[in-house]
Every structure is written in structure tokens, then in C-alpha cells.
Amino acid sequence: MPVYSNPALAQPNVSERAIRAISTADVFDALGRGVSDFWRHPSHYLFLALIYPAVGIVLAVWSAGGATFPLLYPLATGFALIGPLAAIGLYELSRRREQGEDDSPRHAFGVLKHPAIGSIVLLGAMLAVIFALWIAAAGAIYSAHFGMNPPETLMALITETFTTTRGWSLLFWGNLVGLGFAFVVLATTAIAFPLLVDRGGSAGEAVAVSVRAFATNPVQMTVFGLVVAVMVFVASLPLFVGLALALPMLGHATWHLYRKILV
């Protein structure tokens, strides 16, 4: 495993870094740069990201058994909640490319020796808890609407969801609650992980900086969050295999968004 080296980690006052106001054009420029970073080593990035769609396929097969298929939609949308952690190695590759260093995919695993790995793990655990809470909330919302007389097949569930009053209510409340979870993750971790990779520090400091960034650029960050949510959801539809493309692109884009926001 490569030895981790980043001179920027020696710079203090992580929590006091200035926040720059950005435009919507900056958001889409960051997304474009993310795509460019992805295509620099696409086959290797696909290999690094295959673990996520593989897990998704296992979950889909397991869910197809009957009782748990209503959680397929929450699972698909929930990938956006853990995306910031899933892309942690990609932030390092974009950082290295930016600095003119070797950005071959093997360096993605160098973050495992990062001085702030404890903070990264702690923040990742927070996302795991949020993801679990979202799945539990989605299950509770489904039970409240269909618990007494649930559809027996996936097609029956889809039909009832889009053609009945209780189905529309399920969509409304499920998406509203899911939006709340998404905003929590967006505000607290949108740039927290790239900051930890770039400058180190504590998980609390990284979250505080991310919240300040969101407060300074609420519209722009929301636009970025919506693009992430749509891409992850669409990529999840064909048995989650599209995540092998979406996650690396969005991971690199997040790095560039971080660089545009923090001075």
C-alpha cells in the first residue's frame, strides 16, 4: 500500500478556513471536471467502484424474495447518503492529479494510512447511522400505508403506488422524509470528507466547515445535491450497476466543488 504524503496537512486552523461564494456555473464546472478525472483512468475506476453495485445486486436479489421488496426504492435512493464515504479514495486521486503527482488508482488506498483516518472513520460511521435510520423510517412509512393489506408482488406495489390514494401518500411522505435525510447529509458532509483528506483535522471541525459552506451557498449546494440524487437513483435502476460509473464521476466532482468553495 502506498505511503500517504500530503504537505498541506501541516497547515493549521482547518475550522477557520474562509468560505467562498460560488455560482451555479461553478457547480456544473465541478461536475465536468469530475467527469474528466474519471475518464483519465476509467477502467481502473470501474474496478474500484464495482464493490458498490455488487452489494446492490446482492440486496436486490435478497429483496426480491417478497417481504422486503418495498425497501428497494429506499435502498436505491439511500446510496446518495453514503456516497461521500464511498468516494473517499477518489478525492485523494483528484488531489494528486491537481498537484501534478502520480494519480494512478493504487494511490486511492493510501488514504487508509491518512493521519486523519480516525476522523474519516468516525464521519463514515455517522453516515452509516443516518443510512440505517433512513431505511428504518422508510420501512415505518411503508407499514403505515400498506401494513394491513400489503401488495403481494413488486408489480402490484408499483401499480398501487402510482394509482391509489395511499400510494400517492406513500410517495409524498417517503420522499419528503428522504429529502430531510438528504439535506442533513448534504449540509454536514458535502465537503467534509475532501477537507479531511486535504487538510486533516477532526470530524467535528470538518462538519462545521461543511455546514458553513452550505449556509453560504444554499442554492448552489442544493443544485449539486439534486444532481447527485438524480444520478445515483438513475444509476441504481439497472440492478445498481450504473453506480460503477456514477460514483467515481460524482466523487471527483465533489473534490472540485470543495476546491471552489474553500479558500
C-alpha atoms as a PDB file:
ATOM      1  CA  MET A   1       0.000   0.000   0.000  1.00  0.00           C
ATOM      2  CA  PRO A   2       1.418   3.456  -0.908  1.00  0.00           C
ATOM      3  CA  VAL A   3       2.748   5.640   1.919  1.00  0.00           C
ATOM      4  CA  TYR A   4       0.474   8.634   2.434  1.00  0.00           C
ATOM      5  CA  SER A   5       2.091  12.030   1.902  1.00  0.00           C
ATOM      6  CA  ASN A   6       0.398  15.425   1.752  1.00  0.00           C
ATOM      7  CA  PRO A   7       2.325  18.584   2.768  1.00  0.00           C
ATOM      8  CA  ALA A   8      -0.956  20.511   3.100  1.00  0.00           C
ATOM      9  CA  LEU A   9      -1.737  18.552   6.272  1.00  0.00           C
ATOM     10  CA  ALA A  10       0.793  20.714   8.116  1.00  0.00           C
ATOM     11  CA  GLN A  11      -1.372  23.826   7.671  1.00  0.00           C
ATOM     12  CA  PRO A  12      -3.335  24.631  10.862  1.00  0.00           C
ATOM     13  CA  ASN A  13      -6.739  26.199  11.587  1.00  0.00           C
ATOM     14  CA  VAL A  14      -8.845  23.870   9.481  1.00  0.00           C
ATOM     15  CA  SER A  15     -12.059  25.103  11.080  1.00  0.00           C
ATOM     16  CA  GLU A  16     -11.201  28.753  10.345  1.00  0.00           C
ATOM     17  CA  ARG A  17     -10.766  28.427   6.600  1.00  0.00           C
ATOM     18  CA  ALA A  18     -12.653  31.043   4.617  1.00  0.00           C
ATOM     19  CA  ILE A  19     -15.687  30.047   2.581  1.00  0.00           C
ATOM     20  CA  ARG A  20     -16.033  31.344  -0.962  1.00  0.00           C
ATOM     21  CA  ALA A  21     -19.429  32.129  -2.532  1.00  0.00           C
ATOM     22  CA  ILE A  22     -19.816  30.203  -5.779  1.00  0.00           C
ATOM     23  CA  SER A  23     -22.226  30.261  -8.714  1.00  0.00           C
ATOM     24  CA  THR A  24     -24.359  27.572 -10.282  1.00  0.00           C
ATOM     25  CA  ALA A  25     -21.908  27.635 -13.182  1.00  0.00           C
ATOM     26  CA  ASP A  26     -19.180  26.637 -10.716  1.00  0.00           C
ATOM     27  CA  VAL A  27     -21.266  23.630  -9.683  1.00  0.00           C
ATOM     28  CA  PHE A  28     -21.564  22.372 -13.234  1.00  0.00           C
ATOM     29  CA  ASP A  29     -17.892  23.124 -13.895  1.00  0.00           C
ATOM     30  CA  ALA A  30     -17.028  20.921 -10.898  1.00  0.00           C
ATOM     31  CA  LEU A  31     -19.229  18.179 -12.338  1.00  0.00           C
ATOM     32  CA  GLY A  32     -17.489  18.497 -15.692  1.00  0.00           C
ATOM     33  CA  ARG A  33     -14.086  18.278 -14.044  1.00  0.00           C
ATOM     34  CA  GLY A  34     -15.261  15.185 -12.196  1.00  0.00           C
ATOM     35  CA  VAL A  35     -16.134  13.506 -15.482  1.00  0.00           C
ATOM     36  CA  SER A  36     -12.721  14.484 -16.861  1.00  0.00           C
ATOM     37  CA  ASP A  37     -10.938  12.938 -13.858  1.00  0.00           C
ATOM     38  CA  PHE A  38     -12.981   9.779 -14.267  1.00  0.00           C
ATOM     39  CA  TRP A  39     -12.041   9.304 -17.911  1.00  0.00           C
ATOM     40  CA  ARG A  40      -8.347   9.662 -17.086  1.00  0.00           C
ATOM     41  CA  HIS A  41      -8.352   6.050 -15.778  1.00  0.00           C
ATOM     42  CA  PRO A  42     -11.898   4.767 -16.443  1.00  0.00           C
ATOM     43  CA  SER A  43     -11.238   1.029 -16.394  1.00  0.00           C
ATOM     44  CA  HIS A  44      -9.405   1.223 -13.092  1.00  0.00           C
ATOM     45  CA  TYR A  45     -12.048   3.420 -11.516  1.00  0.00           C
ATOM     46  CA  LEU A  46     -14.702   0.981 -12.578  1.00  0.00           C
ATOM     47  CA  PHE A  47     -12.798  -1.740 -10.764  1.00  0.00           C
ATOM     48  CA  LEU A  48     -12.559   0.347  -7.603  1.00  0.00           C
ATOM     49  CA  ALA A  49     -16.283   1.118  -7.662  1.00  0.00           C
ATOM     50  CA  LEU A  50     -17.590  -2.357  -8.538  1.00  0.00           C
ATOM     51  CA  ILE A  51     -17.951  -3.277  -4.872  1.00  0.00           C
ATOM     52  CA  TYR A  52     -20.886  -0.879  -4.530  1.00  0.00           C
ATOM     53  CA  PRO A  53     -23.061  -2.164  -7.376  1.00  0.00           C
ATOM     54  CA  ALA A  54     -22.097  -5.708  -6.313  1.00  0.00           C
ATOM     55  CA  VAL A  55     -23.540  -5.023  -2.874  1.00  0.00           C
ATOM     56  CA  GLY A  56     -26.575  -3.502  -4.550  1.00  0.00           C
ATOM     57  CA  ILE A  57     -27.155  -6.604  -6.660  1.00  0.00           C
ATOM     58  CA  VAL A  58     -26.999  -8.794  -3.556  1.00  0.00           C
ATOM     59  CA  LEU A  59     -29.524  -6.549  -1.832  1.00  0.00           C
ATOM     60  CA  ALA A  60     -31.801  -6.590  -4.875  1.00  0.00           C
ATOM     61  CA  VAL A  61     -31.747 -10.384  -5.106  1.00  0.00           C
ATOM     62  CA  TRP A  62     -32.376 -10.684  -1.393  1.00  0.00           C
ATOM     63  CA  SER A  63     -35.221  -8.171  -1.552  1.00  0.00           C
ATOM     64  CA  ALA A  64     -36.878  -9.936  -4.484  1.00  0.00           C
ATOM     65  CA  GLY A  65     -37.924 -12.708  -2.130  1.00  0.00           C
ATOM     66  CA  GLY A  66     -41.136 -10.884  -1.281  1.00  0.00           C
ATOM     67  CA  ALA A  67     -41.424  -9.292   2.137  1.00  0.00           C
ATOM     68  CA  THR A  68     -38.561  -6.860   1.693  1.00  0.00           C
ATOM     69  CA  PHE A  69     -39.012  -5.665  -1.902  1.00  0.00           C
ATOM     70  CA  PRO A  70     -40.686  -2.414  -0.717  1.00  0.00           C
ATOM     71  CA  LEU A  71     -37.223  -1.362   0.516  1.00  0.00           C
ATOM     72  CA  LEU A  72     -35.689  -1.448  -2.970  1.00  0.00           C
ATOM     73  CA  TYR A  73     -36.541   2.198  -3.628  1.00  0.00           C
ATOM     74  CA  PRO A  74     -35.207   3.397  -0.234  1.00  0.00           C
ATOM     75  CA  LEU A  75     -32.043   1.353  -0.797  1.00  0.00           C
ATOM     76  CA  ALA A  76     -31.539   2.877  -4.250  1.00  0.00           C
ATOM     77  CA  THR A  77     -32.018   6.447  -3.063  1.00  0.00           C
ATOM     78  CA  GLY A  78     -30.060   5.721   0.106  1.00  0.00           C
ATOM     79  CA  PHE A  79     -26.841   5.212  -1.821  1.00  0.00           C
ATOM     80  CA  ALA A  80     -26.671   9.012  -2.133  1.00  0.00           C
ATOM     81  CA  LEU A  81     -26.452   9.195   1.669  1.00  0.00           C
ATOM     82  CA  ILE A  82     -23.306   7.069   1.884  1.00  0.00           C
ATOM     83  CA  GLY A  83     -21.795   8.314  -1.387  1.00  0.00           C
ATOM     84  CA  PRO A  84     -19.422  10.820   0.297  1.00  0.00           C
ATOM     85  CA  LEU A  85     -17.714   7.973   2.161  1.00  0.00           C
ATOM     86  CA  ALA A  86     -17.749   5.619  -0.833  1.00  0.00           C
ATOM     87  CA  ALA A  87     -15.719   8.137  -2.833  1.00  0.00           C
ATOM     88  CA  ILE A  88     -13.048   8.800  -0.197  1.00  0.00           C
ATOM     89  CA  GLY A  89     -10.210   7.304  -2.244  1.00  0.00           C
ATOM     90  CA  LEU A  90     -11.252   9.266  -5.318  1.00  0.00           C
ATOM     91  CA  TYR A  91     -10.764  12.580  -3.503  1.00  0.00           C
ATOM     92  CA  GLU A  92      -7.144  11.602  -2.987  1.00  0.00           C
ATOM     93  CA  LEU A  93      -6.698  10.786  -6.683  1.00  0.00           C
ATOM     94  CA  SER A  94      -8.120  14.161  -7.715  1.00  0.00           C
ATOM     95  CA  ARG A  95      -5.896  15.896  -5.157  1.00  0.00           C
ATOM     96  CA  ARG A  96      -2.823  14.159  -6.539  1.00  0.00           C
ATOM     97  CA  ARG A  97      -3.754  14.998 -10.111  1.00  0.00           C
ATOM     98  CA  GLU A  98      -4.265  18.642  -9.118  1.00  0.00           C
ATOM     99  CA  GLN A  99      -0.792  18.739  -7.550  1.00  0.00           C
ATOM    100  CA  GLY A 100       0.814  17.123 -10.580  1.00  0.00           C
ATOM    101  CA  GLU A 101       1.578  13.922  -8.653  1.00  0.00           C
ATOM    102  CA  ASP A 102       1.132  10.320  -9.722  1.00  0.00           C
ATOM    103  CA  ASP A 103      -2.637   9.759  -9.708  1.00  0.00           C
ATOM    104  CA  SER A 104      -2.687   6.069 -10.586  1.00  0.00           C
ATOM    105  CA  PRO A 105      -5.564   4.219  -8.879  1.00  0.00           C
ATOM    106  CA  ARG A 106      -3.300   2.397  -6.419  1.00  0.00           C
ATOM    107  CA  HIS A 107      -2.917   5.675  -4.531  1.00  0.00           C
ATOM    108  CA  ALA A 108      -6.637   5.626  -3.680  1.00  0.00           C
ATOM    109  CA  PHE A 109      -5.831   3.105  -0.969  1.00  0.00           C
ATOM    110  CA  GLY A 110      -3.245   5.432   0.518  1.00  0.00           C
ATOM    111  CA  VAL A 111      -5.989   7.176   2.499  1.00  0.00           C
ATOM    112  CA  LEU A 112      -6.070   4.120   4.750  1.00  0.00           C
ATOM    113  CA  LYS A 113      -2.786   5.435   6.175  1.00  0.00           C
ATOM    114  CA  HIS A 114      -4.041   9.037   6.344  1.00  0.00           C
ATOM    115  CA  PRO A 115      -3.246  10.806   9.655  1.00  0.00           C
ATOM    116  CA  ALA A 116      -6.939  11.730   9.923  1.00  0.00           C
ATOM    117  CA  ILE A 117      -8.220   8.206   9.243  1.00  0.00           C
ATOM    118  CA  GLY A 118      -9.856   8.150  12.678  1.00  0.00           C
ATOM    119  CA  SER A 119     -11.899  11.240  11.832  1.00  0.00           C
ATOM    120  CA  ILE A 120     -12.770   9.787   8.427  1.00  0.00           C
ATOM    121  CA  VAL A 121     -13.976   6.544  10.020  1.00  0.00           C
ATOM    122  CA  LEU A 122     -15.996   8.464  12.620  1.00  0.00           C
ATOM    123  CA  LEU A 123     -17.691  10.557   9.941  1.00  0.00           C
ATOM    124  CA  GLY A 124     -18.317   7.400   7.931  1.00  0.00           C
ATOM    125  CA  ALA A 125     -19.966   5.801  10.957  1.00  0.00           C
ATOM    126  CA  MET A 126     -22.246   8.820  11.203  1.00  0.00           C
ATOM    127  CA  LEU A 127     -23.319   8.307   7.591  1.00  0.00           C
ATOM    128  CA  ALA A 128     -23.927   4.607   8.257  1.00  0.00           C
ATOM    129  CA  VAL A 129     -26.219   5.517  11.152  1.00  0.00           C
ATOM    130  CA  ILE A 130     -28.084   8.046   9.006  1.00  0.00           C
ATOM    131  CA  PHE A 131     -28.483   5.426   6.262  1.00  0.00           C
ATOM    132  CA  ALA A 132     -29.842   2.892   8.763  1.00  0.00           C
ATOM    133  CA  LEU A 133     -32.255   5.489  10.171  1.00  0.00           C
ATOM    134  CA  TRP A 134     -33.486   6.275   6.652  1.00  0.00           C
ATOM    135  CA  ILE A 135     -34.159   2.600   5.906  1.00  0.00           C
ATOM    136  CA  ALA A 136     -35.974   2.237   9.235  1.00  0.00           C
ATOM    137  CA  ALA A 137     -38.025   5.374   8.556  1.00  0.00           C
ATOM    138  CA  ALA A 138     -38.873   4.185   5.042  1.00  0.00           C
ATOM    139  CA  GLY A 139     -39.989   0.834   6.426  1.00  0.00           C
ATOM    140  CA  ALA A 140     -42.170   2.543   9.019  1.00  0.00           C
ATOM    141  CA  ILE A 141     -43.778   4.802   6.400  1.00  0.00           C
ATOM    142  CA  TYR A 142     -44.491   1.803   4.185  1.00  0.00           C
ATOM    143  CA  SER A 143     -46.008  -0.151   7.090  1.00  0.00           C
ATOM    144  CA  ALA A 144     -48.211   2.819   7.989  1.00  0.00           C
ATOM    145  CA  HIS A 145     -49.640   2.861   4.449  1.00  0.00           C
ATOM    146  CA  PHE A 146     -49.620  -0.806   3.382  1.00  0.00           C
ATOM    147  CA  GLY A 147     -49.042  -2.765   6.573  1.00  0.00           C
ATOM    148  CA  MET A 148     -52.604  -4.059   6.950  1.00  0.00           C
ATOM    149  CA  ASN A 149     -53.056  -5.112   3.321  1.00  0.00           C
ATOM    150  CA  PRO A 150     -49.678  -5.156   1.523  1.00  0.00           C
ATOM    151  CA  PRO A 151     -49.310  -5.867  -2.213  1.00  0.00           C
ATOM    152  CA  GLU A 152     -48.099  -9.412  -2.837  1.00  0.00           C
ATOM    153  CA  THR A 153     -45.781  -8.692  -5.768  1.00  0.00           C
ATOM    154  CA  LEU A 154     -43.435  -5.935  -6.852  1.00  0.00           C
ATOM    155  CA  MET A 155     -45.638  -5.067  -9.842  1.00  0.00           C
ATOM    156  CA  ALA A 156     -48.687  -4.866  -7.589  1.00  0.00           C
ATOM    157  CA  LEU A 157     -46.801  -2.476  -5.311  1.00  0.00           C
ATOM    158  CA  ILE A 158     -45.770  -0.278  -8.242  1.00  0.00           C
ATOM    159  CA  THR A 159     -49.330  -0.208  -9.566  1.00  0.00           C
ATOM    160  CA  GLU A 160     -50.839   0.698  -6.197  1.00  0.00           C
ATOM    161  CA  THR A 161     -48.172   3.315  -5.524  1.00  0.00           C
ATOM    162  CA  PHE A 162     -48.999   5.271  -8.662  1.00  0.00           C
ATOM    163  CA  THR A 163     -52.745   4.667  -8.959  1.00  0.00           C
ATOM    164  CA  THR A 164     -54.189   4.790  -5.435  1.00  0.00           C
ATOM    165  CA  THR A 165     -54.579   7.422  -2.735  1.00  0.00           C
ATOM    166  CA  ARG A 166     -52.486   5.509  -0.226  1.00  0.00           C
ATOM    167  CA  GLY A 167     -49.803   5.052  -2.872  1.00  0.00           C
ATOM    168  CA  TRP A 168     -49.625   8.796  -3.556  1.00  0.00           C
ATOM    169  CA  SER A 169     -49.483   9.431   0.175  1.00  0.00           C
ATOM    170  CA  LEU A 170     -46.622   6.923   0.456  1.00  0.00           C
ATOM    171  CA  LEU A 171     -44.732   8.724  -2.301  1.00  0.00           C
ATOM    172  CA  PHE A 172     -45.306  12.130  -0.737  1.00  0.00           C
ATOM    173  CA  TRP A 173     -44.283  11.277   2.817  1.00  0.00           C
ATOM    174  CA  GLY A 174     -41.495   8.922   1.793  1.00  0.00           C
ATOM    175  CA  ASN A 175     -39.872  11.463  -0.491  1.00  0.00           C
ATOM    176  CA  LEU A 176     -40.393  14.288   1.999  1.00  0.00           C
ATOM    177  CA  VAL A 177     -38.672  12.357   4.803  1.00  0.00           C
ATOM    178  CA  GLY A 178     -35.970  11.165   2.410  1.00  0.00           C
ATOM    179  CA  LEU A 179     -35.364  14.773   1.362  1.00  0.00           C
ATOM    180  CA  GLY A 180     -34.847  15.674   5.001  1.00  0.00           C
ATOM    181  CA  PHE A 181     -32.202  12.964   5.413  1.00  0.00           C
ATOM    182  CA  ALA A 182     -30.524  14.082   2.183  1.00  0.00           C
ATOM    183  CA  PHE A 183     -30.287  17.692   3.328  1.00  0.00           C
ATOM    184  CA  VAL A 184     -28.729  16.622   6.631  1.00  0.00           C
ATOM    185  CA  VAL A 185     -26.035  14.661   4.788  1.00  0.00           C
ATOM    186  CA  LEU A 186     -25.524  17.407   2.199  1.00  0.00           C
ATOM    187  CA  ALA A 187     -25.094  20.129   4.811  1.00  0.00           C
ATOM    188  CA  THR A 188     -22.852  18.167   7.162  1.00  0.00           C
ATOM    189  CA  THR A 189     -20.622  16.157   4.824  1.00  0.00           C
ATOM    190  CA  ALA A 190     -20.728  17.659   1.305  1.00  0.00           C
ATOM    191  CA  ILE A 191     -17.148  18.891   1.618  1.00  0.00           C
ATOM    192  CA  ALA A 192     -16.226  17.360   4.987  1.00  0.00           C
ATOM    193  CA  PHE A 193     -14.542  14.254   3.562  1.00  0.00           C
ATOM    194  CA  PRO A 194     -12.484  16.126   0.933  1.00  0.00           C
ATOM    195  CA  LEU A 195     -11.419  18.559   3.667  1.00  0.00           C
ATOM    196  CA  LEU A 196     -10.229  15.723   5.904  1.00  0.00           C
ATOM    197  CA  VAL A 197      -8.281  14.183   3.017  1.00  0.00           C
ATOM    198  CA  ASP A 198      -6.748  17.541   2.096  1.00  0.00           C
ATOM    199  CA  ARG A 199      -6.082  19.137   5.491  1.00  0.00           C
ATOM    200  CA  GLY A 200      -6.850  16.589   8.182  1.00  0.00           C
ATOM    201  CA  GLY A 201      -8.438  17.734  11.425  1.00  0.00           C
ATOM    202  CA  SER A 202     -11.289  16.370  13.492  1.00  0.00           C
ATOM    203  CA  ALA A 203     -14.647  15.127  12.281  1.00  0.00           C
ATOM    204  CA  GLY A 204     -16.368  17.921  14.200  1.00  0.00           C
ATOM    205  CA  GLU A 205     -14.255  20.600  12.517  1.00  0.00           C
ATOM    206  CA  ALA A 206     -14.934  19.125   9.083  1.00  0.00           C
ATOM    207  CA  VAL A 207     -18.683  19.030   9.700  1.00  0.00           C
ATOM    208  CA  ALA A 208     -18.647  22.629  10.967  1.00  0.00           C
ATOM    209  CA  VAL A 209     -16.850  23.832   7.834  1.00  0.00           C
ATOM    210  CA  SER A 210     -19.277  21.903   5.621  1.00  0.00           C
ATOM    211  CA  VAL A 211     -22.268  23.467   7.385  1.00  0.00           C
ATOM    212  CA  ARG A 212     -20.766  26.941   6.883  1.00  0.00           C
ATOM    213  CA  ALA A 213     -20.206  26.160   3.211  1.00  0.00           C
ATOM    214  CA  PHE A 214     -23.834  25.100   2.827  1.00  0.00           C
ATOM    215  CA  ALA A 215     -25.064  28.208   4.652  1.00  0.00           C
ATOM    216  CA  THR A 216     -23.002  30.416   2.331  1.00  0.00           C
ATOM    217  CA  ASN A 217     -24.117  28.638  -0.865  1.00  0.00           C
ATOM    218  CA  PRO A 218     -27.544  27.083  -0.118  1.00  0.00           C
ATOM    219  CA  VAL A 219     -28.879  27.255  -3.691  1.00  0.00           C
ATOM    220  CA  GLN A 220     -25.689  26.042  -5.331  1.00  0.00           C
ATOM    221  CA  MET A 221     -25.210  23.204  -2.839  1.00  0.00           C
ATOM    222  CA  THR A 222     -28.834  22.178  -3.274  1.00  0.00           C
ATOM    223  CA  VAL A 223     -28.387  22.080  -7.046  1.00  0.00           C
ATOM    224  CA  PHE A 224     -25.337  19.860  -6.581  1.00  0.00           C
ATOM    225  CA  GLY A 225     -27.251  17.638  -4.168  1.00  0.00           C
ATOM    226  CA  LEU A 226     -30.140  17.257  -6.610  1.00  0.00           C
ATOM    227  CA  VAL A 227     -27.768  16.296  -9.434  1.00  0.00           C
ATOM    228  CA  VAL A 228     -26.135  13.718  -7.151  1.00  0.00           C
ATOM    229  CA  ALA A 229     -29.504  12.303  -6.062  1.00  0.00           C
ATOM    230  CA  VAL A 230     -30.820  12.012  -9.632  1.00  0.00           C
ATOM    231  CA  MET A 231     -27.619  10.434 -10.957  1.00  0.00           C
ATOM    232  CA  VAL A 232     -27.398   7.922  -8.122  1.00  0.00           C
ATOM    233  CA  PHE A 233     -31.066   6.982  -8.422  1.00  0.00           C
ATOM    234  CA  VAL A 234     -30.912   6.527 -12.201  1.00  0.00           C
ATOM    235  CA  ALA A 235     -27.647   4.581 -11.870  1.00  0.00           C
ATOM    236  CA  SER A 236     -29.309   2.312  -9.310  1.00  0.00           C
ATOM    237  CA  LEU A 237     -32.200   1.294 -11.556  1.00  0.00           C
ATOM    238  CA  PRO A 238     -30.442  -1.382 -13.662  1.00  0.00           C
ATOM    239  CA  LEU A 239     -29.633  -3.543 -10.617  1.00  0.00           C
ATOM    240  CA  PHE A 240     -27.324  -0.805  -9.287  1.00  0.00           C
ATOM    241  CA  VAL A 241     -24.640  -1.499 -11.914  1.00  0.00           C
ATOM    242  CA  GLY A 242     -24.727   2.114 -13.123  1.00  0.00           C
ATOM    243  CA  LEU A 243     -23.178   3.137  -9.811  1.00  0.00           C
ATOM    244  CA  ALA A 244     -19.848   1.914 -11.188  1.00  0.00           C
ATOM    245  CA  LEU A 245     -19.969   4.964 -13.463  1.00  0.00           C
ATOM    246  CA  ALA A 246     -21.878   7.457 -11.326  1.00  0.00           C
ATOM    247  CA  LEU A 247     -19.951   7.128  -8.056  1.00  0.00           C
ATOM    248  CA  PRO A 248     -16.480   7.845  -9.462  1.00  0.00           C
ATOM    249  CA  MET A 249     -17.702  10.823 -11.503  1.00  0.00           C
ATOM    250  CA  LEU A 250     -19.548  12.322  -8.548  1.00  0.00           C
ATOM    251  CA  GLY A 251     -16.674  11.575  -6.183  1.00  0.00           C
ATOM    252  CA  HIS A 252     -14.205  13.501  -8.322  1.00  0.00           C
ATOM    253  CA  ALA A 253     -16.770  16.287  -8.831  1.00  0.00           C
ATOM    254  CA  THR A 254     -17.133  16.635  -5.065  1.00  0.00           C
ATOM    255  CA  TRP A 255     -13.401  17.234  -4.759  1.00  0.00           C
ATOM    256  CA  HIS A 256     -13.531  20.023  -7.321  1.00  0.00           C
ATOM    257  CA  LEU A 257     -16.572  21.554  -5.626  1.00  0.00           C
ATOM    258  CA  TYR A 258     -14.610  21.552  -2.365  1.00  0.00           C
ATOM    259  CA  ARG A 259     -11.699  23.336  -4.037  1.00  0.00           C
ATOM    260  CA  LYS A 260     -14.016  26.004  -5.430  1.00  0.00           C
ATOM    261  CA  ILE A 261     -15.667  26.661  -2.063  1.00  0.00           C
ATOM    262  CA  LEU A 262     -12.765  26.705   0.400  1.00  0.00           C
ATOM    263  CA  VAL A 263     -10.034  29.327   0.224  1.00  0.00           C
END
